[in-house]
Amino acid sequence: MAVYERSSKLIECTSLFQGRCRWRNLYNIDQKDVIKESQQHVVANDENSSTVIFVGTFTSQDNIQS
């Protein structure tokens, strides 16, 4: 799980259902009409793999140096 505060969302990912994630309303996770589920497999779905979620902020005005 991860919190995306900017959009008031809770990101829930599971290895069930072939590794999908859902976005829920951060303040009321029971509201069924606000759940969005990924259509693609985005997290590992086997016992030997792991997944890390990173939520960050970026705007096109940010000056990124590599």
C-alpha atoms as a PDB file:
ATOM      1  CA  MET A   1       0.000   0.000   0.000  1.00  0.00           C
ATOM      2  CA  ALA A   2       1.025   3.568  -0.603  1.00  0.00           C
ATOM      3  CA  VAL A   3      -0.619   6.936  -0.043  1.00  0.00           C
ATOM      4  CA  TYR A   4      -0.848   9.452  -2.876  1.00  0.00           C
ATOM      5  CA  GLU A   5      -1.689  12.535  -0.836  1.00  0.00           C
ATOM      6  CA  ARG A   6      -1.891  14.984  -3.733  1.00  0.00           C
ATOM      7  CA  SER A   7      -4.976  13.162  -5.056  1.00  0.00           C
ATOM      8  CA  SER A   8      -6.193  11.831  -1.682  1.00  0.00           C
ATOM      9  CA  LYS A   9      -5.801   8.251  -2.889  1.00  0.00           C
ATOM     10  CA  LEU A  10      -4.717   4.997  -1.298  1.00  0.00           C
ATOM     11  CA  ILE A  11      -2.889   2.732  -3.745  1.00  0.00           C
ATOM     12  CA  GLU A  12      -3.445  -0.931  -2.928  1.00  0.00           C
ATOM     13  CA  CYS A  13      -1.516  -3.567  -4.861  1.00  0.00           C
ATOM     14  CA  THR A  14      -1.757  -7.313  -4.497  1.00  0.00           C
ATOM     15  CA  SER A  15      -0.313 -10.397  -6.088  1.00  0.00           C
ATOM     16  CA  LEU A  16      -3.852 -11.769  -6.369  1.00  0.00           C
ATOM     17  CA  PHE A  17      -5.665 -11.302  -9.677  1.00  0.00           C
ATOM     18  CA  GLN A  18      -2.381 -11.374 -11.624  1.00  0.00           C
ATOM     19  CA  GLY A  19      -0.721  -8.457  -9.825  1.00  0.00           C
ATOM     20  CA  ARG A  20      -3.143  -5.567 -10.118  1.00  0.00           C
ATOM     21  CA  CYS A  21      -3.428  -2.298  -8.217  1.00  0.00           C
ATOM     22  CA  ARG A  22      -6.476  -0.345  -7.103  1.00  0.00           C
ATOM     23  CA  TRP A  23      -6.841   3.317  -6.256  1.00  0.00           C
ATOM     24  CA  ARG A  24      -9.265   4.058  -3.455  1.00  0.00           C
ATOM     25  CA  ASN A  25     -10.506   7.222  -1.808  1.00  0.00           C
ATOM     26  CA  LEU A  26      -8.057   7.823   1.049  1.00  0.00           C
ATOM     27  CA  TYR A  27     -10.769   9.026   3.415  1.00  0.00           C
ATOM     28  CA  ASN A  28     -13.426   6.415   2.633  1.00  0.00           C
ATOM     29  CA  ILE A  29     -12.040   3.169   1.177  1.00  0.00           C
ATOM     30  CA  ASP A  30     -15.486   1.528   1.235  1.00  0.00           C
ATOM     31  CA  GLN A  31     -16.912   3.813  -1.467  1.00  0.00           C
ATOM     32  CA  LYS A  32     -17.249   1.419  -4.378  1.00  0.00           C
ATOM     33  CA  ASP A  33     -17.782   4.114  -7.010  1.00  0.00           C
ATOM     34  CA  VAL A  34     -14.353   5.675  -6.441  1.00  0.00           C
ATOM     35  CA  ILE A  35     -12.297   2.508  -6.896  1.00  0.00           C
ATOM     36  CA  LYS A  36     -10.112   2.376 -10.002  1.00  0.00           C
ATOM     37  CA  GLU A  37      -8.404  -0.876 -10.877  1.00  0.00           C
ATOM     38  CA  SER A  38      -5.445  -1.232 -13.219  1.00  0.00           C
ATOM     39  CA  GLN A  39      -6.192  -3.181 -16.367  1.00  0.00           C
ATOM     40  CA  GLN A  40      -2.596  -4.326 -16.743  1.00  0.00           C
ATOM     41  CA  HIS A  41      -0.465  -6.417 -14.435  1.00  0.00           C
ATOM     42  CA  VAL A  42       1.790  -3.960 -12.603  1.00  0.00           C
ATOM     43  CA  VAL A  43       3.159  -5.905  -9.628  1.00  0.00           C
ATOM     44  CA  ALA A  44       4.867  -9.255  -9.265  1.00  0.00           C
ATOM     45  CA  ASN A  45       2.453 -12.151  -8.955  1.00  0.00           C
ATOM     46  CA  ASP A  46       4.689 -15.018  -7.895  1.00  0.00           C
ATOM     47  CA  GLU A  47       6.217 -16.077  -4.595  1.00  0.00           C
ATOM     48  CA  ASN A  48       9.830 -15.355  -5.609  1.00  0.00           C
ATOM     49  CA  SER A  49       9.440 -11.740  -6.749  1.00  0.00           C
ATOM     50  CA  SER A  50       8.809  -8.479  -4.953  1.00  0.00           C
ATOM     51  CA  THR A  51       7.494  -5.046  -5.873  1.00  0.00           C
ATOM     52  CA  VAL A  52       8.255  -1.564  -4.535  1.00  0.00           C
ATOM     53  CA  ILE A  53       5.886   1.386  -4.906  1.00  0.00           C
ATOM     54  CA  PHE A  54       7.282   4.912  -5.171  1.00  0.00           C
ATOM     55  CA  VAL A  55       4.988   7.917  -5.207  1.00  0.00           C
ATOM     56  CA  GLY A  56       6.736  11.216  -5.892  1.00  0.00           C
ATOM     57  CA  THR A  57       5.989  14.648  -7.245  1.00  0.00           C
ATOM     58  CA  PHE A  58       7.329  16.172 -10.430  1.00  0.00           C
ATOM     59  CA  THR A  59       6.365  19.095 -12.596  1.00  0.00           C
ATOM     60  CA  SER A  60       7.655  20.092 -15.995  1.00  0.00           C
ATOM     61  CA  GLN A  61       9.250  23.156 -14.358  1.00  0.00           C
ATOM     62  CA  ASP A  62      11.472  20.990 -12.117  1.00  0.00           C
ATOM     63  CA  ASN A  63      15.133  21.206 -13.067  1.00  0.00           C
ATOM     64  CA  ILE A  64      16.387  17.615 -13.112  1.00  0.00           C
ATOM     65  CA  GLN A  65      20.153  17.125 -13.192  1.00  0.00           C
ATOM     66  CA  SER A  66      21.604  13.699 -13.936  1.00  0.00           C
END
